[in-house]
Amino acid sequence: MFPADNRLNPKQGRLLIAEPFMGEEHFKRAVILLAEHNEQGSIGFMLNKPIDLKLHEAIPDFSITDTQLFFGGPVQREQLFYIHTLGNLVEDSLPIGNGLFWLGDFERIRELIESERAGHDQVRFFVGYAGWEYKQLERELAEKSWYVAQAKKQIIFNPDSDKIWENAVRSLGKEYEMMVNFPENPSFN
């Protein structure tokens, strides 16, 4: 029913795509950008789980009112994280790869957004993150819970979060495209 094994290994800067029938509610049809993947474990952010809260509601003195917050994952849900393409413009940014960065000086991020020198296609904000202990992600990959794909900015910063999983699956290749038509609950088939 599923295509041949996905051959990419998890790596910082790659995407994790949840298999179509994953039962874990947090990760159902999730697409996660891996910000870190090393001998300490893995950290990533779910790109397609907007929450019913805007950034200015979480940070009242943030003047831009249309900045969406996303559920990054179930770890440290009281903390704000962000990924961006602003690199050297934001001190203390950590490189992810492919022109992507995470964290950095929040006040500088705020300044760039409020002065309209950075937009929604350059910064995404998350509450919490997804995390795995060392080798935990590899075990989940062996169980075929995830597919691994190259990260593409047009997927990561897609303003239509409902299309991110579908677009990420399609990026795996033609043999995976049939999965976008699978019902979320196989009993509905």
N, C-alpha and C. Protein backbone atom coordinates (compact mmCIF):
# COMPACT_ATOMS: atom_id res chain seq x y z
N MET A 1 0.83 -1.20 0.00
CA MET A 1 0.00 0.00 0.00
C MET A 1 0.87 1.26 0.00
N PHE A 2 1.96 1.25 0.78
CA PHE A 2 2.83 2.41 0.84
C PHE A 2 3.99 2.24 -0.13
N PRO A 3 4.55 3.34 -0.59
CA PRO A 3 5.69 3.27 -1.51
C PRO A 3 6.92 2.64 -0.83
N ALA A 4 7.93 2.39 -1.62
CA ALA A 4 9.18 1.84 -1.11
C ALA A 4 9.73 2.75 -0.01
N ASP A 5 10.62 2.18 0.79
CA ASP A 5 11.21 2.95 1.89
C ASP A 5 11.76 4.28 1.43
N ASN A 6 11.51 5.27 2.24
CA ASN A 6 12.06 6.60 2.05
C ASN A 6 13.54 6.53 2.46
N ARG A 7 14.45 6.94 1.60
CA ARG A 7 15.88 6.70 1.83
C ARG A 7 16.63 7.83 2.50
N LEU A 8 16.04 8.98 2.67
CA LEU A 8 16.77 10.07 3.33
C LEU A 8 16.83 9.81 4.83
N ASN A 9 17.94 10.15 5.42
CA ASN A 9 18.09 10.05 6.87
C ASN A 9 17.69 11.38 7.50
N PRO A 10 17.26 11.35 8.76
CA PRO A 10 16.96 12.61 9.43
C PRO A 10 18.26 13.41 9.58
N LYS A 11 18.13 14.69 9.45
CA LYS A 11 19.29 15.58 9.51
C LYS A 11 18.78 16.99 9.79
N GLN A 12 19.59 17.77 10.46
CA GLN A 12 19.25 19.17 10.69
C GLN A 12 18.91 19.81 9.35
N GLY A 13 17.78 20.51 9.31
CA GLY A 13 17.37 21.20 8.09
C GLY A 13 16.47 20.38 7.18
N ARG A 14 16.18 19.15 7.55
CA ARG A 14 15.26 18.33 6.75
C ARG A 14 13.88 18.32 7.40
N LEU A 15 12.91 17.85 6.61
CA LEU A 15 11.53 17.76 7.09
C LEU A 15 11.20 16.34 7.50
N LEU A 16 10.41 16.21 8.53
CA LEU A 16 9.77 14.96 8.90
C LEU A 16 8.30 15.08 8.50
N ILE A 17 7.80 14.09 7.79
CA ILE A 17 6.41 14.10 7.34
C ILE A 17 5.72 12.90 7.97
N ALA A 18 4.69 13.16 8.75
CA ALA A 18 3.97 12.08 9.42
C ALA A 18 3.30 11.17 8.39
N GLU A 19 3.38 9.86 8.64
CA GLU A 19 2.69 8.93 7.76
C GLU A 19 1.18 9.23 7.86
N PRO A 20 0.41 8.91 6.82
CA PRO A 20 -0.97 9.40 6.74
C PRO A 20 -1.90 8.95 7.85
N PHE A 21 -1.62 7.81 8.49
CA PHE A 21 -2.56 7.30 9.50
C PHE A 21 -2.02 7.39 10.92
N MET A 22 -1.03 8.23 11.15
CA MET A 22 -0.47 8.34 12.49
C MET A 22 -1.59 8.67 13.47
N GLY A 23 -1.69 7.87 14.51
CA GLY A 23 -2.76 8.03 15.49
C GLY A 23 -2.49 9.07 16.56
N GLU A 24 -1.23 9.37 16.83
CA GLU A 24 -0.87 10.35 17.85
C GLU A 24 -1.44 11.71 17.46
N GLU A 25 -2.37 12.22 18.26
CA GLU A 25 -3.11 13.44 17.90
C GLU A 25 -2.20 14.64 17.65
N HIS A 26 -1.17 14.82 18.48
CA HIS A 26 -0.27 15.97 18.29
C HIS A 26 0.37 15.96 16.91
N PHE A 27 0.70 14.77 16.43
CA PHE A 27 1.51 14.66 15.22
C PHE A 27 0.72 14.20 13.99
N LYS A 28 -0.59 14.14 14.11
CA LYS A 28 -1.41 13.71 12.98
C LYS A 28 -1.17 14.63 11.79
N ARG A 29 -0.70 14.04 10.69
CA ARG A 29 -0.40 14.74 9.43
C ARG A 29 0.50 15.97 9.64
N ALA A 30 1.42 15.84 10.56
CA ALA A 30 2.36 16.93 10.86
C ALA A 30 3.51 16.95 9.87
N VAL A 31 4.04 18.15 9.67
CA VAL A 31 5.29 18.35 8.94
C VAL A 31 6.19 19.12 9.91
N ILE A 32 7.35 18.54 10.19
CA ILE A 32 8.26 19.09 11.20
C ILE A 32 9.59 19.44 10.55
N LEU A 33 10.04 20.65 10.79
CA LEU A 33 11.38 21.06 10.37
C LEU A 33 12.34 20.72 11.50
N LEU A 34 13.35 19.91 11.20
CA LEU A 34 14.36 19.57 12.20
C LEU A 34 15.36 20.73 12.34
N ALA A 35 15.34 21.37 13.50
CA ALA A 35 16.27 22.47 13.77
C ALA A 35 17.59 21.93 14.32
N GLU A 36 17.52 20.77 14.99
CA GLU A 36 18.71 20.10 15.51
C GLU A 36 18.52 18.60 15.39
N HIS A 37 19.59 17.90 15.07
CA HIS A 37 19.58 16.44 15.06
C HIS A 37 21.02 16.01 15.29
N ASN A 38 21.30 15.53 16.50
CA ASN A 38 22.67 15.16 16.85
C ASN A 38 22.66 14.10 17.94
N GLU A 39 23.81 13.85 18.55
CA GLU A 39 23.92 12.80 19.57
C GLU A 39 23.17 13.13 20.86
N GLN A 40 22.71 14.34 21.03
CA GLN A 40 21.88 14.68 22.19
C GLN A 40 20.40 14.42 21.91
N GLY A 41 20.03 14.31 20.65
CA GLY A 41 18.64 14.10 20.29
C GLY A 41 18.24 15.02 19.14
N SER A 42 16.95 15.26 19.04
CA SER A 42 16.42 16.07 17.93
C SER A 42 15.41 17.07 18.45
N ILE A 43 15.39 18.22 17.79
CA ILE A 43 14.41 19.28 18.07
C ILE A 43 13.84 19.72 16.74
N GLY A 44 12.51 19.86 16.69
CA GLY A 44 11.88 20.32 15.47
C GLY A 44 10.62 21.11 15.78
N PHE A 45 10.08 21.72 14.73
CA PHE A 45 8.89 22.56 14.86
C PHE A 45 7.85 22.15 13.84
N MET A 46 6.62 21.92 14.31
CA MET A 46 5.53 21.57 13.41
C MET A 46 5.13 22.81 12.62
N LEU A 47 5.17 22.70 11.32
CA LEU A 47 4.94 23.84 10.45
C LEU A 47 3.48 24.07 10.11
N ASN A 48 2.63 23.09 10.33
CA ASN A 48 1.27 23.14 9.81
C ASN A 48 0.20 23.03 10.88
N LYS A 49 0.49 23.48 12.10
CA LYS A 49 -0.48 23.41 13.18
C LYS A 49 -0.72 24.80 13.78
N PRO A 50 -1.45 25.67 13.06
CA PRO A 50 -1.73 27.00 13.62
C PRO A 50 -2.60 26.88 14.87
N ILE A 51 -2.41 27.79 15.79
CA ILE A 51 -3.26 27.81 16.98
C ILE A 51 -4.13 29.05 16.93
N ASP A 52 -5.14 29.06 17.74
CA ASP A 52 -6.09 30.17 17.75
C ASP A 52 -5.58 31.32 18.62
N LEU A 53 -4.40 31.80 18.25
CA LEU A 53 -3.76 32.88 18.99
C LEU A 53 -2.79 33.58 18.06
N LYS A 54 -2.83 34.88 18.05
CA LYS A 54 -1.89 35.68 17.26
C LYS A 54 -0.74 36.11 18.18
N LEU A 55 0.37 36.46 17.58
CA LEU A 55 1.56 36.83 18.35
C LEU A 55 1.29 38.02 19.25
N HIS A 56 0.55 39.01 18.77
CA HIS A 56 0.29 40.20 19.60
C HIS A 56 -0.59 39.88 20.81
N GLU A 57 -1.32 38.76 20.75
CA GLU A 57 -2.13 38.35 21.91
C GLU A 57 -1.25 37.67 22.96
N ALA A 58 -0.21 37.01 22.52
CA ALA A 58 0.72 36.36 23.44
C ALA A 58 1.76 37.35 23.98
N ILE A 59 2.12 38.31 23.15
CA ILE A 59 3.09 39.35 23.53
C ILE A 59 2.41 40.69 23.28
N PRO A 60 1.71 41.22 24.28
CA PRO A 60 0.84 42.38 24.09
C PRO A 60 1.49 43.62 23.47
N ASP A 61 2.79 43.85 23.65
CA ASP A 61 3.38 45.06 23.07
C ASP A 61 3.92 44.82 21.67
N PHE A 62 3.58 43.71 21.07
CA PHE A 62 3.94 43.43 19.67
C PHE A 62 2.88 44.10 18.81
N SER A 63 3.27 45.04 17.96
CA SER A 63 2.28 45.89 17.29
C SER A 63 1.64 45.28 16.05
N ILE A 64 2.25 44.30 15.43
CA ILE A 64 1.68 43.69 14.23
C ILE A 64 0.61 42.69 14.66
N THR A 65 -0.59 42.81 14.13
CA THR A 65 -1.72 42.02 14.63
C THR A 65 -2.05 40.78 13.82
N ASP A 66 -1.40 40.57 12.68
CA ASP A 66 -1.78 39.42 11.85
C ASP A 66 -0.74 38.30 11.85
N THR A 67 0.16 38.29 12.82
CA THR A 67 1.20 37.27 12.88
C THR A 67 0.68 36.03 13.61
N GLN A 68 0.53 34.95 12.86
CA GLN A 68 -0.01 33.71 13.38
C GLN A 68 1.01 32.98 14.24
N LEU A 69 0.52 32.35 15.30
CA LEU A 69 1.35 31.45 16.11
C LEU A 69 1.02 30.01 15.72
N PHE A 70 2.01 29.15 15.80
CA PHE A 70 1.84 27.73 15.48
C PHE A 70 2.20 26.89 16.69
N PHE A 71 1.56 25.74 16.80
CA PHE A 71 1.91 24.76 17.82
C PHE A 71 3.14 24.04 17.30
N GLY A 72 4.29 24.30 17.93
CA GLY A 72 5.54 23.72 17.48
C GLY A 72 5.72 22.29 17.94
N GLY A 73 5.08 21.95 19.05
CA GLY A 73 5.18 20.60 19.60
C GLY A 73 4.86 20.62 21.08
N PRO A 74 4.78 19.42 21.67
CA PRO A 74 4.31 19.32 23.06
C PRO A 74 5.35 19.63 24.14
N VAL A 75 6.58 19.96 23.77
CA VAL A 75 7.63 20.25 24.75
C VAL A 75 7.75 21.77 24.94
N GLN A 76 7.84 22.21 26.18
CA GLN A 76 7.97 23.63 26.54
C GLN A 76 6.92 24.50 25.84
N ARG A 77 5.68 24.13 26.02
CA ARG A 77 4.57 24.85 25.35
C ARG A 77 4.35 26.26 25.88
N GLU A 78 5.03 26.63 26.96
CA GLU A 78 4.90 27.98 27.48
C GLU A 78 5.98 28.91 26.93
N GLN A 79 6.80 28.39 26.03
CA GLN A 79 7.92 29.17 25.49
C GLN A 79 7.74 29.44 24.00
N LEU A 80 8.18 30.62 23.56
CA LEU A 80 8.10 31.03 22.16
C LEU A 80 9.40 30.69 21.44
N PHE A 81 9.27 30.11 20.25
CA PHE A 81 10.40 29.79 19.38
C PHE A 81 10.10 30.37 18.00
N TYR A 82 11.12 30.49 17.17
CA TYR A 82 10.89 31.00 15.82
C TYR A 82 12.00 30.52 14.90
N ILE A 83 11.59 30.35 13.63
CA ILE A 83 12.54 30.06 12.56
C ILE A 83 12.45 31.24 11.60
N HIS A 84 13.54 31.44 10.85
CA HIS A 84 13.55 32.60 9.95
C HIS A 84 14.62 32.43 8.89
N THR A 85 14.58 33.35 7.93
CA THR A 85 15.58 33.40 6.85
C THR A 85 16.45 34.65 6.97
N LEU A 86 16.44 35.28 8.12
CA LEU A 86 17.08 36.59 8.29
C LEU A 86 18.56 36.50 8.64
N GLY A 87 19.05 35.34 8.96
CA GLY A 87 20.47 35.06 9.15
C GLY A 87 21.25 36.11 9.90
N ASN A 88 22.22 36.72 9.22
CA ASN A 88 23.13 37.66 9.85
C ASN A 88 22.46 38.95 10.30
N LEU A 89 21.23 39.21 9.88
CA LEU A 89 20.51 40.39 10.36
C LEU A 89 20.07 40.24 11.80
N VAL A 90 20.07 38.99 12.30
CA VAL A 90 19.59 38.72 13.66
C VAL A 90 20.71 38.05 14.45
N GLU A 91 21.27 38.82 15.38
CA GLU A 91 22.37 38.32 16.21
C GLU A 91 21.93 37.09 16.99
N ASP A 92 22.86 36.18 17.17
CA ASP A 92 22.67 34.94 17.93
C ASP A 92 21.74 33.94 17.26
N SER A 93 21.46 34.12 15.96
CA SER A 93 20.68 33.13 15.23
C SER A 93 21.49 31.85 15.09
N LEU A 94 20.81 30.73 15.15
CA LEU A 94 21.46 29.43 14.99
C LEU A 94 21.14 28.89 13.60
N PRO A 95 22.15 28.57 12.80
CA PRO A 95 21.88 28.08 11.45
C PRO A 95 21.28 26.67 11.47
N ILE A 96 20.30 26.48 10.60
CA ILE A 96 19.68 25.18 10.40
C ILE A 96 20.22 24.57 9.11
N GLY A 97 20.45 25.42 8.11
CA GLY A 97 20.88 24.99 6.79
C GLY A 97 19.91 25.50 5.75
N ASN A 98 20.31 25.50 4.49
CA ASN A 98 19.45 25.95 3.38
C ASN A 98 18.94 27.37 3.57
N GLY A 99 19.74 28.23 4.21
CA GLY A 99 19.33 29.62 4.42
C GLY A 99 18.31 29.79 5.53
N LEU A 100 18.14 28.77 6.36
CA LEU A 100 17.19 28.83 7.48
C LEU A 100 17.94 28.94 8.80
N PHE A 101 17.30 29.64 9.76
CA PHE A 101 17.89 29.84 11.08
C PHE A 101 16.79 29.70 12.12
N TRP A 102 17.19 29.50 13.36
CA TRP A 102 16.22 29.52 14.45
C TRP A 102 16.79 30.34 15.60
N LEU A 103 15.86 30.83 16.39
CA LEU A 103 16.17 31.69 17.52
C LEU A 103 16.92 32.95 17.09
N GLY A 104 17.66 33.55 17.99
CA GLY A 104 18.31 34.82 17.74
C GLY A 104 17.65 35.92 18.55
N ASP A 105 18.13 37.11 18.40
CA ASP A 105 17.67 38.27 19.16
C ASP A 105 16.22 38.60 18.82
N PHE A 106 15.31 38.32 19.76
CA PHE A 106 13.89 38.54 19.50
C PHE A 106 13.58 40.01 19.23
N GLU A 107 14.23 40.92 19.94
CA GLU A 107 13.95 42.35 19.74
C GLU A 107 14.31 42.76 18.31
N ARG A 108 15.35 42.19 17.76
CA ARG A 108 15.73 42.48 16.37
C ARG A 108 14.69 41.90 15.41
N ILE A 109 14.21 40.70 15.70
CA ILE A 109 13.13 40.10 14.88
C ILE A 109 11.92 41.02 14.90
N ARG A 110 11.54 41.46 16.10
CA ARG A 110 10.39 42.36 16.25
C ARG A 110 10.60 43.63 15.43
N GLU A 111 11.78 44.23 15.53
CA GLU A 111 12.08 45.45 14.80
C GLU A 111 11.95 45.24 13.29
N LEU A 112 12.47 44.14 12.79
CA LEU A 112 12.41 43.86 11.35
C LEU A 112 10.97 43.64 10.88
N ILE A 113 10.17 42.98 11.69
CA ILE A 113 8.77 42.76 11.32
C ILE A 113 7.98 44.06 11.40
N GLU A 114 8.13 44.78 12.49
CA GLU A 114 7.35 46.01 12.67
C GLU A 114 7.73 47.10 11.68
N SER A 115 8.96 47.08 11.18
CA SER A 115 9.37 48.06 10.16
C SER A 115 9.11 47.53 8.75
N GLU A 116 8.47 46.37 8.67
CA GLU A 116 8.11 45.72 7.40
C GLU A 116 9.33 45.35 6.55
N ARG A 117 10.46 45.13 7.21
CA ARG A 117 11.65 44.63 6.50
C ARG A 117 11.72 43.12 6.55
N ALA A 118 10.79 42.48 7.24
CA ALA A 118 10.65 41.03 7.28
C ALA A 118 9.16 40.71 7.28
N GLY A 119 8.81 39.66 6.59
CA GLY A 119 7.40 39.30 6.48
C GLY A 119 7.14 37.86 6.86
N HIS A 120 5.88 37.45 6.66
CA HIS A 120 5.44 36.10 7.02
C HIS A 120 6.16 35.02 6.22
N ASP A 121 6.70 35.40 5.09
CA ASP A 121 7.45 34.44 4.27
C ASP A 121 8.90 34.32 4.72
N GLN A 122 9.25 34.98 5.83
CA GLN A 122 10.62 34.94 6.34
C GLN A 122 10.72 34.52 7.80
N VAL A 123 9.61 34.59 8.54
CA VAL A 123 9.63 34.26 9.97
C VAL A 123 8.37 33.48 10.31
N ARG A 124 8.53 32.44 11.12
CA ARG A 124 7.37 31.69 11.63
C ARG A 124 7.60 31.46 13.12
N PHE A 125 6.54 31.70 13.91
CA PHE A 125 6.60 31.63 15.37
C PHE A 125 5.87 30.39 15.89
N PHE A 126 6.44 29.78 16.93
CA PHE A 126 5.90 28.54 17.48
C PHE A 126 5.81 28.62 19.00
N VAL A 127 4.80 27.97 19.53
CA VAL A 127 4.69 27.74 20.96
C VAL A 127 5.07 26.28 21.15
N GLY A 128 6.16 26.04 21.86
CA GLY A 128 6.63 24.68 22.09
C GLY A 128 7.41 24.12 20.92
N TYR A 129 7.93 22.92 21.13
CA TYR A 129 8.67 22.23 20.07
C TYR A 129 8.47 20.72 20.20
N ALA A 130 8.83 20.00 19.17
CA ALA A 130 8.82 18.54 19.19
C ALA A 130 10.24 18.09 19.49
N GLY A 131 10.39 17.15 20.40
CA GLY A 131 11.73 16.70 20.77
C GLY A 131 11.81 15.19 20.88
N TRP A 132 12.99 14.67 20.57
CA TRP A 132 13.26 13.25 20.65
C TRP A 132 14.59 13.04 21.37
N GLU A 133 14.66 12.04 22.21
CA GLU A 133 15.92 11.66 22.83
C GLU A 133 16.80 11.01 21.77
N TYR A 134 18.07 10.85 22.09
CA TYR A 134 19.02 10.22 21.19
C TYR A 134 18.48 8.86 20.73
N LYS A 135 18.45 8.64 19.45
CA LYS A 135 18.00 7.41 18.77
C LYS A 135 16.49 7.18 18.79
N GLN A 136 15.73 7.98 19.53
CA GLN A 136 14.27 7.82 19.55
C GLN A 136 13.67 8.05 18.17
N LEU A 137 14.12 9.09 17.48
CA LEU A 137 13.59 9.38 16.15
C LEU A 137 13.93 8.25 15.19
N GLU A 138 15.12 7.69 15.28
CA GLU A 138 15.50 6.58 14.42
C GLU A 138 14.58 5.38 14.64
N ARG A 139 14.19 5.13 15.90
CA ARG A 139 13.25 4.03 16.19
C ARG A 139 11.89 4.31 15.54
N GLU A 140 11.44 5.56 15.62
CA GLU A 140 10.16 5.92 15.00
C GLU A 140 10.23 5.80 13.48
N LEU A 141 11.37 6.13 12.91
CA LEU A 141 11.55 5.96 11.46
C LEU A 141 11.53 4.48 11.08
N ALA A 142 12.15 3.64 11.90
CA ALA A 142 12.14 2.19 11.64
C ALA A 142 10.71 1.64 11.71
N GLU A 143 9.86 2.26 12.54
CA GLU A 143 8.45 1.86 12.65
C GLU A 143 7.61 2.46 11.52
N LYS A 144 8.26 3.23 10.65
CA LYS A 144 7.62 3.88 9.49
C LYS A 144 6.56 4.92 9.90
N SER A 145 6.84 5.62 11.00
CA SER A 145 5.95 6.69 11.45
C SER A 145 6.19 7.99 10.69
N TRP A 146 7.39 8.14 10.12
CA TRP A 146 7.79 9.38 9.47
C TRP A 146 8.46 9.10 8.13
N TYR A 147 8.33 10.07 7.25
CA TYR A 147 9.11 10.13 6.02
C TYR A 147 10.02 11.33 6.16
N VAL A 148 11.16 11.29 5.50
CA VAL A 148 12.13 12.39 5.57
C VAL A 148 12.22 13.03 4.19
N ALA A 149 12.18 14.35 4.15
CA ALA A 149 12.25 15.09 2.87
C ALA A 149 13.21 16.26 3.00
N GLN A 150 13.67 16.73 1.85
CA GLN A 150 14.45 17.96 1.81
C GLN A 150 13.54 19.13 2.19
N ALA A 151 14.06 20.08 2.92
CA ALA A 151 13.29 21.26 3.29
C ALA A 151 13.29 22.25 2.13
N LYS A 152 12.14 22.76 1.83
CA LYS A 152 11.99 23.79 0.80
C LYS A 152 11.23 24.96 1.41
N LYS A 153 11.75 26.16 1.18
CA LYS A 153 11.15 27.35 1.79
C LYS A 153 9.69 27.52 1.40
N GLN A 154 9.32 27.15 0.16
CA GLN A 154 7.93 27.31 -0.25
C GLN A 154 6.99 26.37 0.53
N ILE A 155 7.52 25.29 1.07
CA ILE A 155 6.71 24.43 1.95
C ILE A 155 6.71 25.02 3.36
N ILE A 156 7.88 25.35 3.86
CA ILE A 156 8.03 25.81 5.25
C ILE A 156 7.21 27.08 5.53
N PHE A 157 7.24 28.03 4.61
CA PHE A 157 6.57 29.31 4.84
C PHE A 157 5.26 29.44 4.06
N ASN A 158 4.70 28.32 3.64
CA ASN A 158 3.43 28.35 2.91
C ASN A 158 2.36 29.00 3.79
N PRO A 159 1.72 30.06 3.32
CA PRO A 159 0.71 30.72 4.15
C PRO A 159 -0.55 29.86 4.36
N ASP A 160 -0.76 28.87 3.50
CA ASP A 160 -1.91 27.97 3.63
C ASP A 160 -1.45 26.72 4.38
N SER A 161 -1.51 26.77 5.70
CA SER A 161 -0.99 25.67 6.52
C SER A 161 -1.72 24.36 6.26
N ASP A 162 -2.95 24.43 5.75
CA ASP A 162 -3.69 23.21 5.42
C ASP A 162 -3.07 22.45 4.26
N LYS A 163 -2.25 23.09 3.47
CA LYS A 163 -1.63 22.46 2.29
C LYS A 163 -0.20 21.99 2.54
N ILE A 164 0.36 22.29 3.70
CA ILE A 164 1.77 21.98 3.95
C ILE A 164 2.02 20.47 3.93
N TRP A 165 1.19 19.68 4.61
CA TRP A 165 1.40 18.23 4.62
C TRP A 165 1.30 17.67 3.21
N GLU A 166 0.26 18.07 2.49
CA GLU A 166 0.07 17.60 1.11
C GLU A 166 1.27 17.97 0.24
N ASN A 167 1.71 19.20 0.31
CA ASN A 167 2.85 19.65 -0.51
C ASN A 167 4.14 18.92 -0.11
N ALA A 168 4.32 18.68 1.17
CA ALA A 168 5.51 17.96 1.62
C ALA A 168 5.49 16.52 1.12
N VAL A 169 4.33 15.88 1.18
CA VAL A 169 4.22 14.51 0.66
C VAL A 169 4.53 14.50 -0.83
N ARG A 170 3.97 15.43 -1.57
CA ARG A 170 4.23 15.50 -3.01
C ARG A 170 5.72 15.72 -3.31
N SER A 171 6.42 16.42 -2.42
CA SER A 171 7.85 16.65 -2.64
C SER A 171 8.68 15.37 -2.55
N LEU A 172 8.10 14.32 -1.98
CA LEU A 172 8.79 13.03 -1.88
C LEU A 172 8.91 12.33 -3.23
N GLY A 173 8.02 12.68 -4.16
CA GLY A 173 8.05 12.06 -5.48
C GLY A 173 6.70 11.47 -5.85
N LYS A 174 6.56 11.15 -7.13
CA LYS A 174 5.28 10.66 -7.67
C LYS A 174 4.76 9.42 -6.94
N GLU A 175 5.66 8.53 -6.54
CA GLU A 175 5.20 7.29 -5.91
C GLU A 175 4.54 7.51 -4.55
N TYR A 176 4.67 8.71 -3.99
CA TYR A 176 4.07 9.04 -2.70
C TYR A 176 2.76 9.83 -2.85
N GLU A 177 2.50 10.37 -4.03
CA GLU A 177 1.37 11.27 -4.21
C GLU A 177 0.03 10.66 -3.84
N MET A 178 -0.12 9.34 -4.00
CA MET A 178 -1.40 8.70 -3.68
C MET A 178 -1.77 8.91 -2.21
N MET A 179 -0.76 9.12 -1.34
CA MET A 179 -1.03 9.26 0.09
C MET A 179 -1.85 10.51 0.40
N VAL A 180 -1.78 11.54 -0.42
CA VAL A 180 -2.52 12.77 -0.11
C VAL A 180 -4.03 12.53 -0.20
N ASN A 181 -4.45 11.46 -0.87
CA ASN A 181 -5.87 11.16 -1.00
C ASN A 181 -6.37 10.18 0.06
N PHE A 182 -5.48 9.65 0.89
CA PHE A 182 -5.90 8.74 1.94
C PHE A 182 -6.75 9.51 2.96
N PRO A 183 -7.83 8.91 3.46
CA PRO A 183 -8.60 9.58 4.52
C PRO A 183 -7.77 9.61 5.80
N GLU A 184 -8.00 10.60 6.63
CA GLU A 184 -7.26 10.68 7.89
C GLU A 184 -7.57 9.49 8.78
N ASN A 185 -8.79 9.01 8.70
CA ASN A 185 -9.19 7.83 9.47
C ASN A 185 -9.48 6.72 8.48
N PRO A 186 -8.69 5.63 8.46
CA PRO A 186 -8.89 4.59 7.47
C PRO A 186 -10.25 3.91 7.56
N SER A 187 -10.91 4.00 8.70
CA SER A 187 -12.23 3.37 8.82
C SER A 187 -13.28 4.13 8.01
N PHE A 188 -12.97 5.34 7.56
CA PHE A 188 -13.89 6.11 6.72
C PHE A 188 -13.83 5.67 5.28
N ASN A 189 -12.91 4.81 4.92
CA ASN A 189 -12.71 4.38 3.56
C ASN A 189 -13.74 3.33 3.14
